[in-house]
Amino acid sequence: MSDRTGGDGRPGRTGRFSRRGFITAGAAAVMGLAGCSGGSNTTDSGGSDGGDSDGTTPTPTVTGTPGPNAEEITMLLTPGTPSDAKRRYKPMENLIRDKVDGIDLTVRVPLNYSAIRPALESEQAEIGMDDVTLLSAPDLMDVYGTTVTGGSAFYFSMMLVPMDSSIDERTDVKGKDWAFADRLSTSGSIFALYTLQKAGLDIGEAPKGPATDFNGTWSDHEQAVKRVAEGKADGCTTYGGNGMPHVPEKLKSEFPERVINKSSALDTIDTEKPKLKPIWWSFPIPKQPVYARSSWDSAKKQEIGDVLLNSDKESIKQYYPPDYNENDLPFTTLQDTAIEDYQPIRKRMNKVGISLAP
């Protein structure tokens, strides 16, 4: 199994949130896609009962009810399948509802990463959680911290193929049909395109347009794996939390040491079908940051940040919905991070043609 390593940032914890010295950069909406303004571009979850607007299992009652003069706050989750994203982040949502009084919290799932920055700039949202938007407009955000799950603030990009595939390394992707997540996804697109480029493949106009040496399709993490399962793609790129469950336990002995030491998804291995084999892993990538727009002037902003920073694995459990799968939890607490931890993401964005220029 072929792999290449890179830098390994080691964030320290400060227990508070502040403005970060992130790189001044340009638009995240380089793809020219729709903004996050409601309607078909987002899926909402609002109200005080913690219920899910798409008919999933209702969540426990929380005490942080809005009230008649509640401050309206919109939180944007990471783009993906709306019902799945809202289910996974429900403990975090319930935590905020319970601990912060006087707010009316709405949770939205943008269709893509390009929808996030316009929503923040137009003050239609207060909280976001993706590194692409953060790197594109650091002056727009105040950072709460980086999400921690499974005791780790890092995750991995990985490439997966069927167990009987002849694809064993990156150069074998040439001429194949390859499934990616969102075009601007760090782990589901950018890191993979960069490593294919480093391996000598011509990525053409990807991720903004067609590739040259392979046929790429972009959707989301779940759909990328599904395309491989249905025989519509020869392989896919996704993040470890989505891909690890499809890897057989017997392949664990072949994992790079960095994955064994830093992956928070090891306990999910071999829990889902179809069974797929990894042919490449990235170096440890800092997990998604959680941030608030800097123009949001409210005491609730600091209060929410404190609640997230003071959460831990044990306290978050009381906010699980019925039948919640702990392995799906994308947040237990936040850890402070520095600009050096996110520099590799900026480098790869530039190398694959995603402009960060003002």
Protein backbone atom coordinates (compact mmCIF):
# COMPACT_ATOMS: atom_id res chain seq x y z
CA MET A 1 0.00 0.00 0.00
CA SER A 2 1.49 3.31 -1.10
CA ASP A 3 1.43 6.43 1.05
CA ARG A 4 3.17 9.74 1.46
CA THR A 5 3.57 11.69 4.65
CA GLY A 6 3.63 15.38 5.34
CA GLY A 7 3.88 17.77 8.29
CA ASP A 8 2.34 16.85 11.61
CA GLY A 9 1.08 19.84 13.60
CA ARG A 10 0.78 19.57 17.35
CA PRO A 11 -1.77 22.07 18.66
CA GLY A 12 -1.71 23.19 22.25
CA ARG A 13 -4.70 24.05 24.42
CA THR A 14 -5.43 27.45 25.88
CA GLY A 15 -8.99 27.08 27.14
CA ARG A 16 -10.26 30.28 25.49
CA PHE A 17 -11.15 31.49 22.02
CA SER A 18 -9.74 34.51 20.23
CA ARG A 19 -9.08 36.03 16.81
CA ARG A 20 -6.49 33.90 14.99
CA GLY A 21 -3.74 35.12 12.71
CA PHE A 22 -5.02 33.16 9.73
CA ILE A 23 -3.82 34.00 6.25
CA THR A 24 -5.54 36.87 4.49
CA ALA A 25 -7.14 35.31 1.44
CA GLY A 26 -9.92 35.59 -1.07
CA ALA A 27 -13.26 34.04 -1.89
CA ALA A 28 -14.23 30.51 -0.96
CA ALA A 29 -17.03 30.69 -3.48
CA VAL A 30 -14.63 30.19 -6.38
CA MET A 31 -16.97 27.64 -7.84
CA GLY A 32 -19.71 30.26 -8.37
CA LEU A 33 -22.26 28.13 -6.52
CA ALA A 34 -25.38 29.26 -4.70
CA GLY A 35 -25.26 31.06 -1.36
CA CYS A 36 -26.70 29.76 1.88
CA SER A 37 -29.90 31.77 1.95
CA GLY A 38 -32.48 29.12 2.73
CA GLY A 39 -34.83 27.34 0.35
CA SER A 40 -33.28 24.44 -1.55
CA ASN A 41 -29.72 25.31 -0.52
CA THR A 42 -30.07 24.46 3.16
CA THR A 43 -31.87 22.21 5.58
CA ASP A 44 -32.99 23.74 8.85
CA SER A 45 -33.47 22.46 12.35
CA GLY A 46 -34.95 25.05 14.68
CA GLY A 47 -37.17 25.50 17.71
CA SER A 48 -36.71 24.75 21.39
CA ASP A 49 -37.59 21.05 21.54
CA GLY A 50 -34.46 19.84 19.75
CA GLY A 51 -36.59 17.94 17.22
CA ASP A 52 -35.45 17.21 13.70
CA SER A 53 -37.39 18.85 10.89
CA ASP A 54 -36.83 15.91 8.55
CA GLY A 55 -38.73 13.41 10.66
CA THR A 56 -35.84 11.61 12.38
CA THR A 57 -35.98 10.41 15.97
CA PRO A 58 -36.83 13.28 18.37
CA THR A 59 -34.14 14.35 20.82
CA PRO A 60 -34.32 14.76 24.60
CA THR A 61 -35.99 17.88 25.98
CA VAL A 62 -33.48 20.57 26.88
CA THR A 63 -33.92 23.44 29.31
CA GLY A 64 -32.48 26.31 27.25
CA THR A 65 -35.81 27.49 25.82
CA PRO A 66 -35.85 30.57 23.54
CA GLY A 67 -38.47 32.77 25.14
CA PRO A 68 -40.22 35.75 23.49
CA ASN A 69 -37.08 37.93 23.28
CA ALA A 70 -34.61 35.22 22.36
CA GLU A 71 -31.66 36.09 20.12
CA GLU A 72 -31.85 34.29 16.77
CA ILE A 73 -28.65 32.38 15.99
CA THR A 74 -27.93 30.28 12.89
CA MET A 75 -25.25 27.59 12.91
CA LEU A 76 -23.98 26.12 9.62
CA LEU A 77 -22.84 22.50 9.72
CA THR A 78 -20.34 20.88 7.37
CA PRO A 79 -21.95 20.27 3.96
CA GLY A 80 -23.14 16.73 3.33
CA THR A 81 -26.31 14.68 3.49
CA PRO A 82 -28.63 16.96 5.53
CA SER A 83 -30.42 14.29 7.58
CA ASP A 84 -27.12 12.58 8.42
CA ALA A 85 -25.29 15.80 9.29
CA LYS A 86 -28.05 17.01 11.61
CA ARG A 87 -28.25 13.62 13.31
CA ARG A 88 -24.51 13.52 13.92
CA TYR A 89 -24.33 17.06 15.32
CA LYS A 90 -27.47 16.79 17.43
CA PRO A 91 -25.53 16.34 20.73
CA MET A 92 -23.60 19.55 20.05
CA GLU A 93 -26.84 21.34 19.19
CA ASN A 94 -28.56 20.03 22.33
CA LEU A 95 -25.57 21.10 24.46
CA ILE A 96 -25.78 24.69 23.21
CA ARG A 97 -29.57 24.81 23.62
CA ASP A 98 -29.33 23.55 27.19
CA LYS A 99 -26.42 25.64 28.43
CA VAL A 100 -27.13 28.98 26.74
CA ASP A 101 -30.38 30.67 27.72
CA GLY A 102 -32.17 33.27 25.65
CA ILE A 103 -31.28 32.00 22.19
CA ASP A 104 -33.34 30.65 19.32
CA LEU A 105 -30.91 28.31 17.54
CA THR A 106 -31.40 27.24 13.92
CA VAL A 107 -29.12 24.60 12.39
CA ARG A 108 -28.58 24.54 8.63
CA VAL A 109 -26.73 22.16 6.31
CA PRO A 110 -25.40 23.97 3.21
CA LEU A 111 -25.42 22.04 -0.05
CA ASN A 112 -21.75 22.90 -0.57
CA TYR A 113 -18.84 24.78 0.97
CA SER A 114 -19.25 27.72 -1.38
CA ALA A 115 -22.56 28.57 0.30
CA ILE A 116 -21.00 29.25 3.69
CA ARG A 117 -19.04 32.47 3.26
CA PRO A 118 -21.88 34.39 1.56
CA ALA A 119 -24.17 33.47 4.47
CA LEU A 120 -21.65 34.81 6.99
CA GLU A 121 -20.89 37.96 5.00
CA SER A 122 -24.59 38.76 4.66
CA GLU A 123 -25.09 38.05 8.39
CA GLN A 124 -27.57 35.26 7.70
CA ALA A 125 -25.49 32.97 9.91
CA GLU A 126 -23.39 33.38 13.05
CA ILE A 127 -21.45 30.11 13.44
CA GLY A 128 -19.61 27.90 10.93
CA MET A 129 -17.21 24.98 11.05
CA ASP A 130 -15.09 24.44 7.96
CA ASP A 131 -11.44 25.20 7.25
CA VAL A 132 -11.92 26.23 3.60
CA THR A 133 -14.08 29.23 4.51
CA LEU A 134 -11.82 30.10 7.42
CA LEU A 135 -8.71 30.14 5.23
CA SER A 136 -10.46 32.19 2.56
CA ALA A 137 -11.62 34.97 4.90
CA PRO A 138 -9.79 34.92 8.24
CA ASP A 139 -10.78 38.49 9.08
CA LEU A 140 -14.42 37.46 8.87
CA MET A 141 -14.14 34.95 11.72
CA ASP A 142 -13.26 34.58 15.39
CA VAL A 143 -12.18 31.02 16.10
CA TYR A 144 -13.55 28.99 18.99
CA GLY A 145 -11.18 26.05 18.42
CA THR A 146 -10.73 22.76 16.55
CA THR A 147 -13.12 19.87 17.13
CA VAL A 148 -11.92 16.86 19.10
CA THR A 149 -13.40 13.36 18.83
CA GLY A 150 -11.99 10.09 20.07
CA GLY A 151 -9.34 12.06 21.93
CA SER A 152 -7.84 13.43 18.71
CA ALA A 153 -7.95 16.81 16.98
CA PHE A 154 -6.78 15.24 13.70
CA TYR A 155 -8.32 13.22 10.91
CA PHE A 156 -7.23 11.70 7.60
CA SER A 157 -8.04 11.74 3.92
CA MET A 158 -8.03 8.26 2.42
CA MET A 159 -8.51 6.53 -0.93
CA LEU A 160 -10.61 3.37 -1.07
CA VAL A 161 -11.11 0.70 -3.74
CA PRO A 162 -12.96 -2.64 -3.85
CA MET A 163 -11.16 -5.57 -2.19
CA ASP A 164 -10.54 -7.32 -5.52
CA SER A 165 -9.38 -4.16 -7.32
CA SER A 166 -6.09 -4.09 -9.23
CA ILE A 167 -5.57 -0.52 -8.05
CA ASP A 168 -2.80 -0.64 -5.44
CA GLU A 169 -1.29 2.84 -5.55
CA ARG A 170 -1.96 6.37 -6.70
CA THR A 171 -0.50 5.96 -10.19
CA ASP A 172 -3.06 3.20 -10.83
CA VAL A 173 -5.83 5.80 -10.69
CA LYS A 174 -4.87 6.92 -14.21
CA GLY A 175 -7.69 6.16 -16.65
CA LYS A 176 -10.11 5.18 -13.87
CA ASP A 177 -13.48 6.54 -12.70
CA TRP A 178 -12.94 8.21 -9.35
CA ALA A 179 -15.52 9.52 -6.86
CA PHE A 180 -14.81 12.55 -4.71
CA ALA A 181 -16.81 14.39 -2.04
CA ASP A 182 -17.60 18.12 -2.36
CA ARG A 183 -15.28 19.93 -4.77
CA LEU A 184 -13.95 22.09 -1.93
CA SER A 185 -13.77 19.33 0.69
CA THR A 186 -10.32 19.18 2.28
CA SER A 187 -10.26 15.42 2.79
CA GLY A 188 -12.72 14.43 0.08
CA SER A 189 -11.19 16.35 -2.81
CA ILE A 190 -8.32 18.80 -2.28
CA PHE A 191 -5.83 16.49 -0.54
CA ALA A 192 -6.53 13.66 -2.99
CA LEU A 193 -6.12 15.84 -6.07
CA TYR A 194 -2.86 17.18 -4.70
CA THR A 195 -1.41 13.73 -4.04
CA LEU A 196 -2.50 12.47 -7.47
CA GLN A 197 -0.79 15.50 -8.95
CA LYS A 198 2.35 14.73 -6.94
CA ALA A 199 2.22 11.15 -8.25
CA GLY A 200 2.46 12.47 -11.81
CA LEU A 201 -1.19 12.46 -12.89
CA ASP A 202 -2.63 15.41 -14.80
CA ILE A 203 -5.62 16.64 -12.78
CA GLY A 204 -6.67 19.00 -15.58
CA GLU A 205 -9.18 21.57 -14.36
CA ALA A 206 -10.18 19.62 -11.25
CA PRO A 207 -11.73 20.40 -8.88
CA LYS A 208 -13.37 23.28 -10.78
CA GLY A 209 -13.74 21.26 -13.98
CA PRO A 210 -12.92 17.89 -15.57
CA ALA A 211 -9.70 16.02 -14.86
CA THR A 212 -7.41 14.85 -17.65
CA ASP A 213 -5.88 11.53 -16.54
CA PHE A 214 -8.99 10.16 -14.82
CA ASN A 215 -12.75 10.68 -14.80
CA GLY A 216 -13.77 12.44 -11.60
CA THR A 217 -17.24 12.89 -10.12
CA TRP A 218 -18.02 15.07 -7.09
CA SER A 219 -20.90 14.76 -4.61
CA ASP A 220 -20.44 14.20 -0.87
CA HIS A 221 -18.59 11.71 1.35
CA GLU A 222 -21.47 9.28 1.68
CA GLN A 223 -22.26 9.30 -2.01
CA ALA A 224 -18.59 8.84 -2.94
CA VAL A 225 -18.46 5.50 -1.11
CA LYS A 226 -21.89 4.58 -2.46
CA ARG A 227 -20.69 5.02 -6.04
CA VAL A 228 -17.93 2.49 -5.44
CA ALA A 229 -20.37 0.09 -3.79
CA GLU A 230 -22.69 0.32 -6.79
CA GLY A 231 -19.90 -0.18 -9.32
CA LYS A 232 -20.22 3.37 -10.66
CA ALA A 233 -16.64 4.27 -9.69
CA ASP A 234 -13.37 2.35 -9.45
CA GLY A 235 -12.46 4.07 -6.21
CA CYS A 236 -13.19 7.05 -4.01
CA THR A 237 -11.73 9.63 -1.69
CA THR A 238 -13.28 10.36 1.70
CA TYR A 239 -12.37 11.14 5.30
CA GLY A 240 -11.37 8.46 7.79
CA GLY A 241 -14.55 8.61 9.83
CA ASN A 242 -16.58 7.77 6.73
CA GLY A 243 -14.15 5.30 5.18
CA MET A 244 -12.76 3.37 8.15
CA PRO A 245 -15.98 1.41 8.82
CA HIS A 246 -15.64 -0.16 5.36
CA VAL A 247 -12.07 -1.41 5.94
CA PRO A 248 -11.69 -5.05 7.11
CA GLU A 249 -10.03 -5.58 10.48
CA LYS A 250 -7.41 -7.83 8.86
CA LEU A 251 -5.95 -4.84 7.00
CA LYS A 252 -5.25 -2.86 10.17
CA SER A 253 -1.73 -4.30 10.40
CA GLU A 254 -0.92 -2.51 7.12
CA PHE A 255 -1.97 0.94 8.36
CA PRO A 256 0.75 3.62 8.54
CA GLU A 257 1.92 4.33 12.08
CA ARG A 258 0.56 7.88 11.93
CA VAL A 259 -2.96 6.52 11.35
CA ILE A 260 -2.67 4.11 14.28
CA ASN A 261 -1.40 6.88 16.55
CA LYS A 262 -3.74 9.73 15.58
CA SER A 263 -6.92 8.43 13.97
CA SER A 264 -10.03 8.79 16.12
CA ALA A 265 -11.95 6.34 13.88
CA LEU A 266 -10.05 3.12 14.60
CA ASP A 267 -12.85 1.74 16.76
CA THR A 268 -15.24 1.94 13.79
CA ILE A 269 -13.17 -0.36 11.59
CA ASP A 270 -14.98 -3.24 9.87
CA THR A 271 -18.49 -2.18 10.92
CA GLU A 272 -20.11 -1.45 7.55
CA LYS A 273 -20.44 -2.89 4.07
CA PRO A 274 -19.18 -2.98 1.40
CA LYS A 275 -15.66 -3.93 2.40
CA LEU A 276 -13.05 -1.71 0.77
CA LYS A 277 -9.28 -1.50 0.93
CA PRO A 278 -7.29 1.72 1.45
CA ILE A 279 -4.48 2.49 -1.01
CA TRP A 280 -3.43 5.87 0.40
CA TRP A 281 -3.66 7.92 3.59
CA SER A 282 -2.82 11.58 4.08
CA PHE A 283 -0.80 12.91 6.99
CA PRO A 284 -2.84 13.99 10.06
CA ILE A 285 -5.06 16.95 9.12
CA PRO A 286 -6.37 19.27 11.85
CA LYS A 287 -10.07 18.64 12.20
CA GLN A 288 -12.62 21.26 11.35
CA PRO A 289 -12.50 24.52 13.27
CA VAL A 290 -15.61 26.00 14.85
CA TYR A 291 -15.82 29.75 14.43
CA ALA A 292 -18.18 32.74 14.75
CA ARG A 293 -18.36 35.71 12.41
CA SER A 294 -16.41 38.64 13.82
CA SER A 295 -19.22 41.11 13.10
CA TRP A 296 -21.54 39.28 15.50
CA ASP A 297 -21.65 41.57 18.54
CA SER A 298 -23.32 39.64 21.32
CA ALA A 299 -22.56 38.26 24.76
CA LYS A 300 -24.00 34.96 23.50
CA LYS A 301 -21.00 34.62 21.21
CA GLN A 302 -18.55 34.29 24.10
CA GLU A 303 -21.00 32.19 26.10
CA ILE A 304 -21.35 29.61 23.32
CA GLY A 305 -17.57 29.49 22.90
CA ASP A 306 -17.08 28.81 26.61
CA VAL A 307 -19.70 26.05 26.55
CA LEU A 308 -18.00 24.28 23.64
CA LEU A 309 -14.50 24.62 25.14
CA ASN A 310 -15.66 23.30 28.51
CA SER A 311 -17.43 20.26 27.09
CA ASP A 312 -15.87 16.80 27.40
CA LYS A 313 -16.56 13.21 26.41
CA GLU A 314 -18.56 12.41 29.52
CA SER A 315 -20.69 15.56 29.66
CA ILE A 316 -21.68 15.39 25.98
CA LYS A 317 -23.19 11.93 26.45
CA GLN A 318 -26.25 13.29 28.23
CA TYR A 319 -27.17 15.09 25.01
CA TYR A 320 -27.27 12.01 22.77
CA PRO A 321 -30.64 11.50 21.04
CA PRO A 322 -32.29 8.07 21.48
CA ASP A 323 -30.38 5.29 19.68
CA TYR A 324 -27.49 7.65 18.91
CA ASN A 325 -24.35 5.93 17.60
CA GLU A 326 -21.39 7.27 19.57
CA ASN A 327 -19.06 6.40 16.69
CA ASP A 328 -20.80 9.10 14.60
CA LEU A 329 -20.09 11.88 17.10
CA PRO A 330 -18.12 14.69 15.36
CA PHE A 331 -17.52 16.71 18.54
CA THR A 332 -16.67 16.15 22.20
CA THR A 333 -14.77 19.36 22.93
CA LEU A 334 -12.57 21.99 21.27
CA GLN A 335 -8.79 22.32 21.19
CA ASP A 336 -6.89 25.49 20.40
CA THR A 337 -4.93 25.53 17.13
CA ALA A 338 -2.36 27.74 15.40
CA ILE A 339 -1.90 28.88 11.83
CA GLU A 340 0.91 26.34 11.26
CA ASP A 341 -1.59 23.51 11.62
CA TYR A 342 -3.68 24.76 8.70
CA GLN A 343 -0.86 25.85 6.37
CA PRO A 344 -0.80 22.48 4.52
CA ILE A 345 -4.44 22.96 3.57
CA ARG A 346 -3.73 26.37 2.06
CA LYS A 347 -0.73 24.95 0.18
CA ARG A 348 -2.80 22.19 -1.38
CA MET A 349 -5.63 24.53 -2.28
CA ASN A 350 -3.19 26.72 -4.17
CA LYS A 351 -1.53 23.76 -5.91
CA VAL A 352 -4.83 22.43 -7.27
CA GLY A 353 -5.88 25.84 -8.55
CA ILE A 354 -8.21 27.08 -5.83
CA SER A 355 -7.28 30.75 -5.60
CA LEU A 356 -6.81 32.29 -2.18
CA ALA A 357 -5.66 35.62 -3.57
CA PRO A 358 -7.51 38.73 -2.34
